[in-house]
Amino acid sequence: MILSNLSGKFVLPGDFLGVIEEFMAGDGTYEENGRIFSAITGVILFDSVKRVISVVPVSLSKPPIPVSGDVAYGYVFDVNEDSAIIRMCYVEGKGRLSSEMTGFLRFPYVSLKVRFNSMFDVVRIGDIVRVKVLNSWLPFQVSTRGDSFGVIFARCSICLSPLVKRKGKLFCNNCKFYEPRKLASDYGVFKFEEGG
């Protein structure tokens, strides 16, 4: 068994680590019939001087999952006449999601104050949005009702320049066109880094 391949390797309970002719069983391990196994979930630690193999425990914290009432951030993945698909990436107070989760924004949950003609006037593909999660199971339903919810960053549909808020709509300084969106009250406050 090559020692450089052992040290730092992630193991689960019951994983084979070596034989007693090579190592002595240390913390987090057990020996059975001359073979050494991991007793816990963790990473292998090898002491080359004492020839002891141990397993150091690691914490496997539960990845964050949105639940009803959470505030989530994501981007618009798809839009049709009466709904949009939001790929949620981050939940306030919980952190970054281990993988993107899909939220469905339906037209009745867009706004109570402003009337929009279609979902294309609410969001566009690529917009970054803040949404409220309405349920705790898949598929997640989300809402942009409320002043703090909606688009927080958007780009021009024509030239992809960042849009600025002007007269309650979004304006492209390059194309000189206005575009409608359901804006969060703090649109434009967030700064997003270009590239990596």
Foldseek 3Di string as FASTA:
>chain_A
DDVVVQFFDWDAFFAWDAFVVQADEDEQWDDDPRTITGHHTAGWDADPVRRYIYGDDDDDDDFDADFAFWKFKFFWADFDFFKTKTFTAATPPRGGGPGTAIEMEGNVQEEDPDDDRGCQLAHDGGFMWIWGWHHRDPPTYTHQYDQQTGTQWAADPPPRHTWDDDPQFTADPVVRDTGHHSDRNNRPPDDDDPDD
